[in-house]
Amino acid sequence: MNNFLKNKHLASRAGFGVHHNDIEKLKNSNQKKLYEELKSISNYKPIEIEAYKISYAQYQDMAKSTDKKPVNLYNKNHNAAIGKAWQDLMINSPDQLQEKMALFWHGHFATRIQQSMFNLEIINIFRKNALGSLRDLVFEVSKSSAMLNFLNNQQNKKAKANENFARELMELFTLGRGNLYTEKDIKESARAFTGWSYDENGEFRENLKQHDSGEKEFLGKRGNFTGTDIINMILEKPECAEFITTKIYKYLVNETPDEKLIKSLSQKFYESDYQILTLLDEIFLSNWFYSETNIGARVKSPIDLIIGIRRIMPMDTKDGNTIYNFERLLGQQLLQPPNVAGWPSGTEWIDSSTLLLRMKIPSVMAGYKTLDVEPKPNDDVNMGRGENKVVVNKNQNKISIHWESITNILEGDLFSLLLPNPTEKLRNMINEFNTDKSKQHLMISIMSTPEYQLC
């Protein structure tokens, strides 16, 4: 594989694909140098949206009002603004690996609530800790108002323990379903988390009056354990490192785990005391990451697909909702994972209807086709709400592509740039279809293939 294709592969996995301004960099850089740039966190700033900055006390006043319209409208508009601000960073930030991993943690520690201030807090937790310490990340997420709210730990009190958070902490967040722990461990650890809640300002507090201070038995040990003890005891287990490593490997490398590699990677991850960047360095600086087995081995998530198109093909979205409606229809809307297990992955993103929609979206963006789609009546995210029908008329398309700013891209080898491994047969077929048509049409045609869904 030549240097450009290796760099393109790295850009698609350690970020959201090639940016239209970075073509020369991909041609002239080496993988180590490019990776150092992609993993930078020098530009990290928390997402803040000035128009929606209010105190938690002000938010509570709205929430307590008998008229729920103001708080519902605030949450709706603020949540939409958070999603758009984050997607802008995914498109334009040079710190690609930070945003890519923040998206991973968003699906891993999935929460789905309406309170926009809580959503903003946890998204910034993911972004701040995306490449840092898993230990710090687990503690911050566990103490966040979003997680405490979503998994009902506000109701976890010594008189009546609520097991939701304790169960998901082990089952989905750290150890994996049925791995090491028993139902008794869930019940006992739930007692340790009694009193973990947030105060009138939305900030974490340990309500000692509601904490069960009795002796507990957890993972074979006895003691007067607190929630902090439980998390530290889980992280002592190498199985936790292996569970997280496997999931990250499937997200960044290949949906089919290589057990030998997983063992080696997870051991180094564990020995580093869960330094996420140590694990990522081992992946992206390896030779095996660039093997043919791993090229084009992953199906792009809806976010990867849409953000990738917007990075390579600059555009204005006068009606910003159009872009976000595409993601909603494909099943991955930020702040709205379908359940506590997060979004699916791999071929689960693809069925006959979503594949056809994916292949049509580039033509809709370019104004070549009209979109008239209604979400599936049983889909998890939209819950069959009829008002979610999306119509984009090609004669009234509010997306404007800046073709003039990517003339260098249009005159280059679009197949090598856009597809993970273009075959001569595919090149010939698409070129024949686009005889006497513009380079713009050729670019859209390539983006409309099943092969473009892979990275």
Protein backbone atom coordinates (compact mmCIF):
# COMPACT_ATOMS: atom_id res chain seq x y z
CA MET A 1 0.00 0.00 0.00
CA ASN A 2 1.38 3.43 -0.94
CA ASN A 3 1.91 6.25 1.55
CA PHE A 4 -1.17 8.23 0.50
CA LEU A 5 -3.51 5.27 0.96
CA LYS A 6 -2.03 4.56 4.40
CA ASN A 7 -2.55 8.17 5.43
CA LYS A 8 -6.10 8.12 4.08
CA HIS A 9 -6.79 4.96 6.10
CA LEU A 10 -5.39 6.62 9.22
CA ALA A 11 -7.50 9.75 8.63
CA SER A 12 -10.66 7.65 8.34
CA ARG A 13 -10.07 5.73 11.57
CA ALA A 14 -8.30 8.24 13.83
CA GLY A 15 -10.70 10.92 12.62
CA PHE A 16 -13.68 11.45 10.36
CA GLY A 17 -11.94 11.18 7.02
CA VAL A 18 -9.93 13.41 4.71
CA HIS A 19 -10.48 17.17 4.94
CA HIS A 20 -10.47 19.06 1.64
CA ASN A 21 -7.66 21.29 2.89
CA ASP A 22 -5.40 18.38 3.83
CA ILE A 23 -4.84 16.62 0.49
CA GLU A 24 -1.22 17.74 0.14
CA LYS A 25 -0.51 16.83 3.75
CA LEU A 26 -1.73 13.29 3.12
CA LYS A 27 0.48 13.03 0.05
CA ASN A 28 3.64 14.32 1.71
CA SER A 29 3.38 13.31 5.37
CA ASN A 30 4.27 10.00 7.00
CA GLN A 31 1.94 8.08 9.31
CA LYS A 32 3.77 8.95 12.51
CA LYS A 33 3.75 12.68 11.81
CA LEU A 34 0.12 12.67 10.69
CA TYR A 35 -0.94 10.69 13.75
CA GLU A 36 0.80 13.17 16.06
CA GLU A 37 -1.29 15.93 14.51
CA LEU A 38 -4.54 13.97 14.66
CA LYS A 39 -4.11 13.13 18.35
CA SER A 40 -3.33 16.69 19.46
CA ILE A 41 -5.50 18.14 22.22
CA SER A 42 -3.90 21.58 22.12
CA ASN A 43 -7.09 23.24 20.93
CA TYR A 44 -9.45 21.64 23.46
CA LYS A 45 -12.13 23.94 24.76
CA PRO A 46 -15.43 22.89 26.32
CA ILE A 47 -18.47 23.44 24.14
CA GLU A 48 -20.34 26.48 25.41
CA ILE A 49 -23.25 28.12 23.66
CA GLU A 50 -23.63 31.67 24.83
CA ALA A 51 -27.26 32.04 23.79
CA TYR A 52 -28.28 29.25 26.19
CA LYS A 53 -26.04 29.98 29.19
CA ILE A 54 -28.22 30.18 32.27
CA SER A 55 -27.71 29.07 35.86
CA TYR A 56 -29.07 25.75 37.05
CA ALA A 57 -31.30 27.70 39.45
CA GLN A 58 -32.85 29.53 36.48
CA TYR A 59 -33.32 26.21 34.71
CA GLN A 60 -35.01 24.77 37.79
CA ASP A 61 -37.39 27.72 37.94
CA MET A 62 -38.49 26.95 34.38
CA ALA A 63 -38.75 23.22 35.10
CA LYS A 64 -40.91 23.77 38.19
CA SER A 65 -43.37 26.03 36.40
CA THR A 66 -46.81 24.64 35.64
CA ASP A 67 -46.30 25.83 32.08
CA LYS A 68 -43.81 23.35 30.64
CA LYS A 69 -43.53 24.97 27.21
CA PRO A 70 -40.57 27.27 28.07
CA VAL A 71 -38.41 24.51 29.55
CA ASN A 72 -39.31 22.05 26.79
CA LEU A 73 -38.44 24.64 24.14
CA TYR A 74 -35.20 25.52 25.91
CA ASN A 75 -34.15 21.87 26.06
CA LYS A 76 -35.08 21.24 22.44
CA ASN A 77 -33.22 24.25 21.06
CA HIS A 78 -30.22 23.91 23.37
CA ASN A 79 -29.82 20.20 22.60
CA ALA A 80 -29.95 20.96 18.87
CA ALA A 81 -27.33 23.69 19.30
CA ILE A 82 -25.06 21.33 21.26
CA GLY A 83 -25.25 18.73 18.51
CA LYS A 84 -24.51 21.28 15.79
CA ALA A 85 -21.60 22.81 17.71
CA TRP A 86 -20.05 19.38 18.26
CA GLN A 87 -20.50 18.37 14.65
CA ASP A 88 -18.80 21.58 13.56
CA LEU A 89 -15.79 20.47 15.62
CA MET A 90 -15.91 17.01 14.05
CA ILE A 91 -15.76 18.66 10.63
CA ASN A 92 -13.23 21.41 11.23
CA SER A 93 -11.16 20.70 14.34
CA PRO A 94 -7.59 19.51 13.69
CA ASP A 95 -7.87 17.45 16.90
CA GLN A 96 -9.66 14.67 15.09
CA LEU A 97 -8.83 11.76 17.36
CA GLN A 98 -10.18 13.59 20.38
CA GLU A 99 -13.56 14.13 18.74
CA LYS A 100 -13.61 10.61 17.26
CA MET A 101 -13.00 9.02 20.65
CA ALA A 102 -15.46 11.38 22.36
CA LEU A 103 -18.09 10.01 19.98
CA PHE A 104 -17.05 6.49 20.96
CA TRP A 105 -17.46 7.26 24.68
CA HIS A 106 -20.82 8.91 23.95
CA GLY A 107 -22.04 5.57 22.59
CA HIS A 108 -20.27 3.53 25.27
CA PHE A 109 -21.53 5.50 28.30
CA ALA A 110 -24.89 6.08 26.67
CA THR A 111 -27.38 8.45 28.26
CA ARG A 112 -30.62 9.72 26.78
CA ILE A 113 -32.28 12.55 28.67
CA GLN A 114 -33.98 15.81 27.78
CA GLN A 115 -32.16 18.10 30.24
CA SER A 116 -29.83 19.95 27.90
CA MET A 117 -27.56 21.32 30.63
CA PHE A 118 -26.83 17.77 31.77
CA ASN A 119 -26.21 16.71 28.17
CA LEU A 120 -23.73 19.53 27.66
CA GLU A 121 -21.87 18.53 30.82
CA ILE A 122 -21.44 14.88 29.85
CA ILE A 123 -20.45 15.63 26.23
CA ASN A 124 -17.69 17.88 27.55
CA ILE A 125 -16.66 15.12 29.96
CA PHE A 126 -16.27 12.77 26.98
CA ARG A 127 -14.31 15.36 25.01
CA LYS A 128 -12.02 16.37 27.88
CA ASN A 129 -11.17 12.78 28.84
CA ALA A 130 -11.34 11.24 25.36
CA LEU A 131 -7.60 10.52 25.20
CA GLY A 132 -6.80 10.62 28.90
CA SER A 133 -7.36 8.19 31.76
CA LEU A 134 -10.19 5.69 31.62
CA ARG A 135 -10.14 5.72 35.42
CA ASP A 136 -10.83 9.47 35.48
CA LEU A 137 -13.45 9.09 32.76
CA VAL A 138 -15.37 6.36 34.61
CA PHE A 139 -15.44 8.42 37.81
CA GLU A 140 -16.51 11.64 36.07
CA VAL A 141 -19.23 9.91 34.07
CA SER A 142 -20.47 8.04 37.15
CA LYS A 143 -20.78 11.30 39.06
CA SER A 144 -22.32 13.29 36.20
CA SER A 145 -25.87 14.54 36.57
CA ALA A 146 -26.74 13.01 33.17
CA MET A 147 -25.77 9.48 34.22
CA LEU A 148 -27.19 9.77 37.74
CA ASN A 149 -30.45 10.95 36.22
CA PHE A 150 -30.61 8.48 33.34
CA LEU A 151 -29.92 5.37 35.43
CA ASN A 152 -31.99 6.50 38.41
CA ASN A 153 -29.25 6.74 41.00
CA GLN A 154 -31.06 9.78 42.41
CA GLN A 155 -33.54 7.20 43.69
CA ASN A 156 -30.84 4.85 45.03
CA LYS A 157 -31.26 5.11 48.81
CA LYS A 158 -30.38 2.87 51.73
CA ALA A 159 -33.99 2.04 52.50
CA LYS A 160 -34.55 0.84 48.93
CA ALA A 161 -31.52 0.34 46.68
CA ASN A 162 -31.94 0.97 42.95
CA GLU A 163 -29.77 -1.41 40.92
CA ASN A 164 -29.88 0.29 37.51
CA PHE A 165 -26.56 2.10 37.60
CA ALA A 166 -24.66 -0.67 39.42
CA ARG A 167 -25.85 -3.21 36.84
CA GLU A 168 -24.95 -1.16 33.77
CA LEU A 169 -21.62 -0.10 35.26
CA MET A 170 -20.46 -3.71 35.09
CA GLU A 171 -22.57 -5.10 32.27
CA LEU A 172 -22.04 -2.35 29.67
CA PHE A 173 -19.38 0.06 30.90
CA THR A 174 -16.51 -1.93 32.40
CA LEU A 175 -16.62 -5.76 32.51
CA GLY A 176 -19.11 -6.94 29.91
CA ARG A 177 -22.31 -8.91 30.28
CA GLY A 178 -21.96 -11.79 32.76
CA ASN A 179 -18.18 -11.42 33.07
CA LEU A 180 -16.86 -12.04 36.62
CA TYR A 181 -19.81 -10.57 38.51
CA THR A 182 -23.00 -12.18 39.82
CA GLU A 183 -26.48 -10.89 40.63
CA LYS A 184 -25.36 -10.69 44.24
CA ASP A 185 -22.45 -8.42 43.21
CA ILE A 186 -24.95 -6.13 41.49
CA LYS A 187 -27.15 -5.92 44.58
CA GLU A 188 -24.21 -5.35 46.92
CA SER A 189 -22.59 -2.69 44.72
CA ALA A 190 -25.94 -0.91 44.38
CA ARG A 191 -25.88 -0.52 48.17
CA ALA A 192 -22.42 1.06 47.87
CA PHE A 193 -23.75 3.66 45.43
CA THR A 194 -26.66 4.70 47.66
CA GLY A 195 -26.54 8.44 48.25
CA TRP A 196 -24.73 9.26 45.00
CA SER A 197 -26.83 12.08 43.59
CA TYR A 198 -26.72 15.72 42.50
CA ASP A 199 -27.70 18.81 44.43
CA GLU A 200 -29.95 21.79 43.72
CA ASN A 201 -27.20 23.19 41.42
CA GLY A 202 -26.91 19.97 39.40
CA GLU A 203 -23.53 19.18 40.99
CA PHE A 204 -22.48 15.80 42.38
CA ARG A 205 -22.98 15.12 46.06
CA GLU A 206 -22.76 12.12 48.37
CA ASN A 207 -25.88 12.20 50.54
CA LEU A 208 -24.55 10.40 53.60
CA LYS A 209 -28.01 10.23 55.16
CA GLN A 210 -29.10 8.02 52.27
CA HIS A 211 -25.91 5.91 52.12
CA ASP A 212 -26.00 2.30 53.25
CA SER A 213 -22.93 2.08 55.48
CA GLY A 214 -23.29 -1.62 56.28
CA GLU A 215 -20.82 -4.31 55.32
CA LYS A 216 -21.01 -5.51 51.71
CA GLU A 217 -19.56 -8.42 49.76
CA PHE A 218 -18.34 -7.62 46.25
CA LEU A 219 -16.24 -9.70 43.85
CA GLY A 220 -15.21 -11.97 46.71
CA LYS A 221 -14.21 -9.22 49.14
CA ARG A 222 -15.97 -7.93 52.25
CA GLY A 223 -15.96 -4.40 53.60
CA ASN A 224 -17.85 -1.20 54.20
CA PHE A 225 -17.53 -0.30 50.53
CA THR A 226 -18.45 3.04 48.96
CA GLY A 227 -19.13 3.72 45.30
CA THR A 228 -15.51 4.85 44.91
CA ASP A 229 -14.32 1.51 46.30
CA ILE A 230 -16.53 -0.40 43.87
CA ILE A 231 -15.18 1.43 40.80
CA ASN A 232 -11.57 0.97 41.93
CA MET A 233 -12.18 -2.74 42.59
CA ILE A 234 -13.62 -3.17 39.09
CA LEU A 235 -10.63 -1.40 37.55
CA GLU A 236 -8.30 -3.75 39.41
CA LYS A 237 -9.55 -6.54 37.15
CA PRO A 238 -7.59 -7.14 33.90
CA GLU A 239 -10.90 -8.28 32.40
CA CYS A 240 -12.00 -4.65 32.43
CA ALA A 241 -9.02 -3.65 30.27
CA GLU A 242 -9.76 -6.51 27.88
CA PHE A 243 -13.44 -5.59 27.58
CA ILE A 244 -12.67 -1.93 26.79
CA THR A 245 -9.80 -2.84 24.44
CA THR A 246 -12.02 -5.21 22.46
CA LYS A 247 -14.68 -2.57 22.01
CA ILE A 248 -12.17 0.10 20.94
CA TYR A 249 -10.51 -2.36 18.55
CA LYS A 250 -13.88 -3.04 16.90
CA TYR A 251 -14.53 0.72 16.68
CA LEU A 252 -11.17 1.71 15.20
CA VAL A 253 -9.74 -1.37 13.50
CA ASN A 254 -11.99 -4.26 12.58
CA GLU A 255 -15.37 -5.62 13.64
CA THR A 256 -13.78 -9.07 13.89
CA PRO A 257 -11.38 -8.98 16.86
CA ASP A 258 -7.95 -10.56 16.61
CA GLU A 259 -7.78 -12.37 19.96
CA LYS A 260 -3.98 -12.44 20.07
CA LEU A 261 -3.74 -8.72 19.41
CA ILE A 262 -6.50 -7.99 21.91
CA LYS A 263 -4.57 -9.84 24.64
CA SER A 264 -1.39 -7.92 23.93
CA LEU A 265 -3.11 -4.54 23.65
CA SER A 266 -5.23 -4.99 26.76
CA GLN A 267 -2.22 -6.02 28.84
CA LYS A 268 -0.35 -2.83 27.91
CA PHE A 269 -3.52 -0.80 28.51
CA TYR A 270 -3.90 -2.35 31.96
CA GLU A 271 -0.22 -1.86 32.85
CA SER A 272 -0.50 1.83 31.90
CA ASP A 273 -3.28 2.21 34.50
CA TYR A 274 -5.81 2.68 31.72
CA GLN A 275 -4.13 5.48 29.77
CA ILE A 276 -6.30 5.63 26.67
CA LEU A 277 -3.62 7.25 24.54
CA THR A 278 -1.20 4.41 25.34
CA LEU A 279 -3.71 1.98 23.82
CA LEU A 280 -4.33 4.18 20.78
CA ASP A 281 -0.58 4.65 20.18
CA GLU A 282 -0.19 0.86 20.11
CA ILE A 283 -2.95 0.62 17.50
CA PHE A 284 -2.16 3.48 15.15
CA LEU A 285 1.64 3.17 15.18
CA SER A 286 1.55 -0.56 14.43
CA ASN A 287 2.20 -2.15 11.05
CA TRP A 288 -0.78 -4.49 11.32
CA PHE A 289 -3.20 -1.55 11.45
CA TYR A 290 -2.39 -0.93 7.76
CA SER A 291 -2.78 -4.55 6.64
CA GLU A 292 -5.18 -5.41 3.82
CA THR A 293 -7.35 -7.23 6.35
CA ASN A 294 -8.20 -3.93 8.03
CA ILE A 295 -8.68 -1.74 4.93
CA GLY A 296 -12.35 -1.20 4.13
CA ALA A 297 -13.28 -3.57 6.95
CA ARG A 298 -15.65 -1.26 8.78
CA VAL A 299 -19.08 0.09 7.85
CA LYS A 300 -19.22 3.82 8.44
CA SER A 301 -21.63 4.89 11.13
CA PRO A 302 -24.15 7.56 10.04
CA ILE A 303 -22.06 10.23 11.80
CA ASP A 304 -18.88 8.98 10.11
CA LEU A 305 -20.65 9.00 6.76
CA ILE A 306 -22.20 12.47 6.96
CA ILE A 307 -19.24 14.17 8.65
CA GLY A 308 -16.87 12.51 6.20
CA ILE A 309 -18.85 13.90 3.25
CA ARG A 310 -18.82 17.37 4.79
CA ARG A 311 -15.07 17.25 5.43
CA ILE A 312 -14.17 16.38 1.84
CA MET A 313 -16.96 18.39 0.19
CA PRO A 314 -17.32 21.86 1.79
CA MET A 315 -20.87 23.16 1.91
CA ASP A 316 -23.21 25.72 3.42
CA THR A 317 -26.35 24.41 5.10
CA LYS A 318 -28.80 27.32 5.12
CA ASP A 319 -31.37 25.03 6.68
CA GLY A 320 -29.15 23.35 9.26
CA ASN A 321 -31.80 20.80 10.17
CA THR A 322 -31.52 19.02 6.81
CA ILE A 323 -28.11 17.55 7.62
CA TYR A 324 -29.16 16.46 11.09
CA ASN A 325 -32.33 14.89 9.69
CA PHE A 326 -30.13 12.64 7.52
CA GLU A 327 -28.41 11.31 10.63
CA ARG A 328 -31.71 10.85 12.42
CA LEU A 329 -33.13 8.87 9.52
CA LEU A 330 -30.03 6.67 9.44
CA GLY A 331 -30.34 6.00 13.17
CA GLN A 332 -27.54 7.96 14.85
CA GLN A 333 -28.58 11.29 16.31
CA LEU A 334 -26.25 12.89 18.84
CA LEU A 335 -27.63 12.99 22.40
CA GLN A 336 -30.21 10.38 21.38
CA PRO A 337 -28.73 6.87 21.59
CA PRO A 338 -31.53 4.30 21.30
CA ASN A 339 -30.92 2.84 24.78
CA VAL A 340 -28.31 2.39 27.50
CA ALA A 341 -26.37 -0.06 25.29
CA GLY A 342 -25.67 2.75 22.83
CA TRP A 343 -25.75 2.56 19.04
CA PRO A 344 -25.17 -0.58 16.99
CA SER A 345 -22.05 -1.06 14.90
CA GLY A 346 -20.76 -2.72 11.77
CA THR A 347 -23.27 -4.37 9.46
CA GLU A 348 -26.04 -3.59 11.95
CA TRP A 349 -26.05 -0.11 10.42
CA ILE A 350 -27.03 -1.53 7.05
CA ASP A 351 -30.28 -3.00 5.81
CA SER A 352 -31.98 -2.72 2.44
CA SER A 353 -33.71 0.58 3.20
CA THR A 354 -30.85 2.35 5.00
CA LEU A 355 -28.34 1.34 2.31
CA LEU A 356 -30.51 2.86 -0.41
CA LEU A 357 -30.92 6.03 1.67
CA ARG A 358 -27.18 6.23 2.35
CA MET A 359 -26.44 5.93 -1.37
CA LYS A 360 -28.98 8.65 -2.19
CA ILE A 361 -27.84 11.27 0.33
CA PRO A 362 -24.84 12.62 -1.69
CA SER A 363 -27.14 13.25 -4.68
CA VAL A 364 -29.67 14.98 -2.42
CA MET A 365 -26.93 17.19 -0.97
CA ALA A 366 -25.80 18.13 -4.48
CA GLY A 367 -29.37 18.96 -5.51
CA TYR A 368 -29.61 16.14 -8.05
CA LYS A 369 -32.40 14.23 -6.31
CA THR A 370 -35.38 14.79 -4.03
CA LEU A 371 -35.66 13.07 -0.67
CA ASP A 372 -39.02 12.09 0.78
CA VAL A 373 -38.54 9.65 3.65
CA GLU A 374 -40.44 8.65 6.73
CA PRO A 375 -38.66 6.90 9.62
CA LYS A 376 -39.48 3.26 10.23
CA PRO A 377 -42.56 2.95 12.44
CA ASN A 378 -40.65 0.78 14.91
CA ASP A 379 -37.32 2.56 15.03
CA ASP A 380 -35.89 3.09 18.51
CA VAL A 381 -34.74 6.67 18.21
CA ASN A 382 -37.80 8.27 16.63
CA MET A 383 -40.36 5.88 18.10
CA GLY A 384 -42.51 6.03 15.01
CA ARG A 385 -43.52 9.65 15.32
CA GLY A 386 -45.16 10.57 12.03
CA GLU A 387 -44.11 14.21 12.22
CA ASN A 388 -40.51 13.11 11.65
CA LYS A 389 -41.05 12.75 7.90
CA VAL A 390 -38.17 14.42 6.03
CA VAL A 391 -38.62 16.07 2.65
CA VAL A 392 -35.78 17.71 0.69
CA ASN A 393 -36.94 18.98 -2.69
CA LYS A 394 -34.12 19.19 -5.24
CA ASN A 395 -35.56 22.46 -6.55
CA GLN A 396 -35.59 23.99 -3.06
CA ASN A 397 -32.40 22.43 -1.69
CA LYS A 398 -30.81 24.69 0.92
CA ILE A 399 -27.42 22.96 0.81
CA SER A 400 -24.80 24.75 -1.29
CA ILE A 401 -21.60 22.87 -2.17
CA HIS A 402 -18.48 24.97 -2.78
CA TRP A 403 -17.25 23.15 -5.86
CA GLU A 404 -14.92 26.00 -6.76
CA SER A 405 -12.84 25.46 -3.61
CA ILE A 406 -12.04 21.82 -4.40
CA THR A 407 -10.97 22.00 -8.05
CA ASN A 408 -7.68 20.33 -7.08
CA ILE A 409 -9.62 17.40 -5.67
CA LEU A 410 -11.91 17.12 -8.69
CA GLU A 411 -8.92 16.94 -11.05
CA GLY A 412 -7.20 14.22 -9.02
CA ASP A 413 -7.86 10.51 -8.63
CA LEU A 414 -11.27 10.61 -6.98
CA PHE A 415 -11.48 6.83 -6.71
CA SER A 416 -8.31 6.51 -4.61
CA LEU A 417 -9.36 9.47 -2.49
CA LEU A 418 -12.93 8.37 -1.77
CA LEU A 419 -12.89 4.58 -1.75
CA PRO A 420 -10.89 2.29 0.54
CA ASN A 421 -9.84 -0.11 -2.22
CA PRO A 422 -11.22 0.74 -5.70
CA THR A 423 -11.09 -2.06 -8.26
CA GLU A 424 -10.57 -1.56 -11.98
CA LYS A 425 -14.01 -3.05 -12.62
CA LEU A 426 -15.64 -0.46 -10.37
CA ARG A 427 -13.60 2.38 -11.90
CA ASN A 428 -14.61 1.38 -15.41
CA MET A 429 -18.28 0.97 -14.52
CA ILE A 430 -18.57 4.38 -12.82
CA ASN A 431 -16.51 6.16 -15.51
CA GLU A 432 -18.73 4.67 -18.21
CA PHE A 433 -21.83 5.83 -16.36
CA ASN A 434 -20.38 9.35 -16.14
CA THR A 435 -19.21 9.70 -19.74
CA ASP A 436 -19.67 13.33 -20.86
CA LYS A 437 -20.68 14.35 -17.33
CA SER A 438 -18.89 16.77 -15.03
CA LYS A 439 -16.26 15.92 -12.41
CA GLN A 440 -18.86 16.94 -9.83
CA HIS A 441 -21.18 14.21 -11.10
CA LEU A 442 -18.33 11.73 -10.97
CA MET A 443 -17.60 12.61 -7.35
CA ILE A 444 -21.25 12.22 -6.37
CA SER A 445 -21.49 8.93 -8.28
CA ILE A 446 -18.52 7.50 -6.35
CA MET A 447 -20.04 8.64 -3.07
CA SER A 448 -23.28 6.91 -4.04
CA THR A 449 -21.76 3.43 -4.23
CA PRO A 450 -21.99 0.67 -1.62
CA GLU A 451 -18.17 0.73 -1.47
CA TYR A 452 -18.24 4.32 -0.16
CA GLN A 453 -20.05 3.04 2.93
CA LEU A 454 -16.84 1.31 4.01
CA CYS A 455 -13.69 2.69 5.58
